[in-house]
C-alpha atoms as a PDB file:
ATOM      1  CA  MET A   1       0.256  -0.005   0.057  1.00  0.00           C
ATOM      2  CA  VAL A   2       1.465   3.357  -0.637  1.00  0.00           C
ATOM      3  CA  ILE A   3      -0.363   6.490   1.324  1.00  0.00           C
ATOM      4  CA  ILE A   4       0.119  10.146   0.559  1.00  0.00           C
ATOM      5  CA  ILE A   5      -0.885  12.541   3.199  1.00  0.00           C
ATOM      6  CA  SER A   6      -2.360  15.894   2.740  1.00  0.00           C
ATOM      7  CA  GLU A   7      -3.484  17.402   6.603  1.00  0.00           C
ATOM      8  CA  ASP A   8      -4.471  20.587   8.608  1.00  0.00           C
ATOM      9  CA  CYS A   9      -5.101  18.662  11.766  1.00  0.00           C
ATOM     10  CA  VAL A  10      -4.002  17.744  15.319  1.00  0.00           C
ATOM     11  CA  GLY A  11      -3.119  14.128  15.559  1.00  0.00           C
ATOM     12  CA  GLY A  12      -4.119  11.490  13.011  1.00  0.00           C
ATOM     13  CA  GLU A  13      -0.531   9.577  13.065  1.00  0.00           C
ATOM     14  CA  LEU A  14      -0.585   6.453  11.096  1.00  0.00           C
ATOM     15  CA  ALA A  15      -0.334   3.049  13.549  1.00  0.00           C
ATOM     16  CA  LEU A  16       1.282  -0.378  12.531  1.00  0.00           C
ATOM     17  CA  LEU A  17       0.393  -2.789  14.793  1.00  0.00           C
ATOM     18  CA  GLU A  18       2.648  -6.007  14.573  1.00  0.00           C
ATOM     19  CA  PRO A  19       5.609  -3.492  14.200  1.00  0.00           C
ATOM     20  CA  GLY A  20       4.479  -1.258  17.283  1.00  0.00           C
ATOM     21  CA  LEU A  21       4.867   1.930  14.896  1.00  0.00           C
ATOM     22  CA  VAL A  22       3.356   5.193  14.990  1.00  0.00           C
ATOM     23  CA  LEU A  23       4.280   7.756  12.129  1.00  0.00           C
ATOM     24  CA  ASP A  24       3.156  11.193  12.529  1.00  0.00           C
ATOM     25  CA  LEU A  25       3.278  11.655   9.037  1.00  0.00           C
ATOM     26  CA  GLN A  26       3.734  15.712   7.429  1.00  0.00           C
ATOM     27  CA  ASN A  27       1.898  17.492   4.628  1.00  0.00           C
ATOM     28  CA  GLY A  28       3.515  15.398   1.011  1.00  0.00           C
ATOM     29  CA  ASP A  29       5.042  12.351   3.013  1.00  0.00           C
ATOM     30  CA  MET A  30       4.308   9.117   1.482  1.00  0.00           C
ATOM     31  CA  VAL A  31       4.488   5.686   3.453  1.00  0.00           C
ATOM     32  CA  LEU A  32       5.538   2.100   1.386  1.00  0.00           C
ATOM     33  CA  PHE A  33       3.751  -1.044   3.646  1.00  0.00           C
ATOM     34  CA  PRO A  34       2.643  -4.575   2.711  1.00  0.00           C
ATOM     35  CA  SER A  35      -1.096  -3.588   3.981  1.00  0.00           C
ATOM     36  CA  GLY A  36      -2.013  -7.634   3.668  1.00  0.00           C
ATOM     37  CA  LYS A  37       0.592  -8.655   6.369  1.00  0.00           C
ATOM     38  CA  ILE A  38       0.466  -5.117   8.197  1.00  0.00           C
ATOM     39  CA  SER A  39      -2.304  -4.072  10.702  1.00  0.00           C
ATOM     40  CA  HIS A  40      -2.890  -0.246   9.968  1.00  0.00           C
ATOM     41  CA  PHE A  41      -5.158   2.296  11.157  1.00  0.00           C
ATOM     42  CA  ASN A  42      -5.179   6.479  11.929  1.00  0.00           C
ATOM     43  CA  MET A  43      -5.157   7.639  15.643  1.00  0.00           C
ATOM     44  CA  HIS A  44      -7.923  10.203  15.987  1.00  0.00           C
ATOM     45  CA  TYR A  45      -7.464  13.619  15.236  1.00  0.00           C
ATOM     46  CA  VAL A  46      -9.194  17.146  15.153  1.00  0.00           C
ATOM     47  CA  GLY A  47      -9.658  19.552  11.730  1.00  0.00           C
ATOM     48  CA  LYS A  48      -8.953  18.005   8.434  1.00  0.00           C
ATOM     49  CA  ARG A  49      -7.245  15.654   6.828  1.00  0.00           C
ATOM     50  CA  GLY A  50      -6.819  13.414   3.612  1.00  0.00           C
ATOM     51  CA  SER A  51      -5.319  10.940   2.041  1.00  0.00           C
ATOM     52  CA  LEU A  52      -4.297   9.663  -1.366  1.00  0.00           C
ATOM     53  CA  VAL A  53      -4.394   5.116  -0.911  1.00  0.00           C
ATOM     54  CA  PHE A  54      -3.225   3.069  -3.556  1.00  0.00           C
ATOM     55  CA  HIS A  55      -3.669  -0.441  -3.197  1.00  0.00           C
ATOM     56  CA  SER A  56      -3.885  -4.223  -5.165  1.00  0.00           C
ATOM     57  CA  ASP A  57      -6.711  -6.090  -5.176  1.00  0.00           C
ATOM     58  CA  SER A  58      -5.277  -9.402  -4.134  1.00  0.00           C
ATOM     59  CA  SER A  59      -7.198  -9.243  -0.595  1.00  0.00           C
ATOM     60  CA  SER A  60     -10.722  -8.851  -2.320  1.00  0.00           C
ATOM     61  CA  GLN A  61     -12.444 -11.672  -1.803  1.00  0.00           C
ATOM     62  CA  SER A  62     -11.495 -12.034   1.881  1.00  0.00           C
ATOM     63  CA  TRP A  63     -12.843  -8.325   1.766  1.00  0.00           C
ATOM     64  CA  ILE A  64     -16.313  -9.401   0.497  1.00  0.00           C
ATOM     65  CA  LYS A  65     -16.171 -12.521   2.641  1.00  0.00           C
ATOM     66  CA  ASP A  66     -15.919 -10.840   6.367  1.00  0.00           C
ATOM     67  CA  ARG A  67     -13.972  -7.647   5.775  1.00  0.00           C
ATOM     68  CA  ASN A  68     -10.933  -8.725   6.240  1.00  0.00           C
ATOM     69  CA  GLY A  69     -11.468 -10.233   9.721  1.00  0.00           C
ATOM     70  CA  TRP A  70     -12.727  -7.282  10.989  1.00  0.00           C
ATOM     71  CA  ALA A  71     -16.510  -7.570  10.278  1.00  0.00           C
ATOM     72  CA  ASN A  72     -17.476  -7.965  14.084  1.00  0.00           C
ATOM     73  CA  ASN A  73     -15.152  -6.129  15.602  1.00  0.00           C
ATOM     74  CA  ILE A  74     -16.952  -3.351  17.560  1.00  0.00           C
ATOM     75  CA  TYR A  75     -14.288  -0.314  16.504  1.00  0.00           C
ATOM     76  CA  PHE A  76     -14.813  -1.166  12.573  1.00  0.00           C
ATOM     77  CA  ARG A  77     -17.236   0.739  10.556  1.00  0.00           C
ATOM     78  CA  SER A  78     -18.050  -0.481   6.977  1.00  0.00           C
ATOM     79  CA  SER A  79     -20.114   1.758   4.380  1.00  0.00           C
ATOM     80  CA  ILE A  80     -22.096  -0.930   3.387  1.00  0.00           C
ATOM     81  CA  GLY A  81     -23.499  -1.937   6.314  1.00  0.00           C
ATOM     82  CA  SER A  82     -23.780  -5.007   8.429  1.00  0.00           C
ATOM     83  CA  LEU A  83     -22.707  -8.286   7.152  1.00  0.00           C
ATOM     84  CA  GLU A  84     -24.107 -11.402   7.721  1.00  0.00           C
ATOM     85  CA  LEU A  85     -21.750 -14.015   8.295  1.00  0.00           C
END
């Protein structure tokens, strides 16, 4: 996955769970990592934040099935709605 950041906010760091990293990215920063192998999320923020995200669809069937294992997590929201598993 490639992520390019544009922000005017406080917070919103990129957290990479398995390696235990929290990246405080600035405008124009770019991050490349294997998103299929590293759980990742953004911390809470206040203000405006945007990112361009480029990824492959190598795990699209897993996403369709159960949101890559996140479908029933209480902290995960899907724009498609709840899934019947």
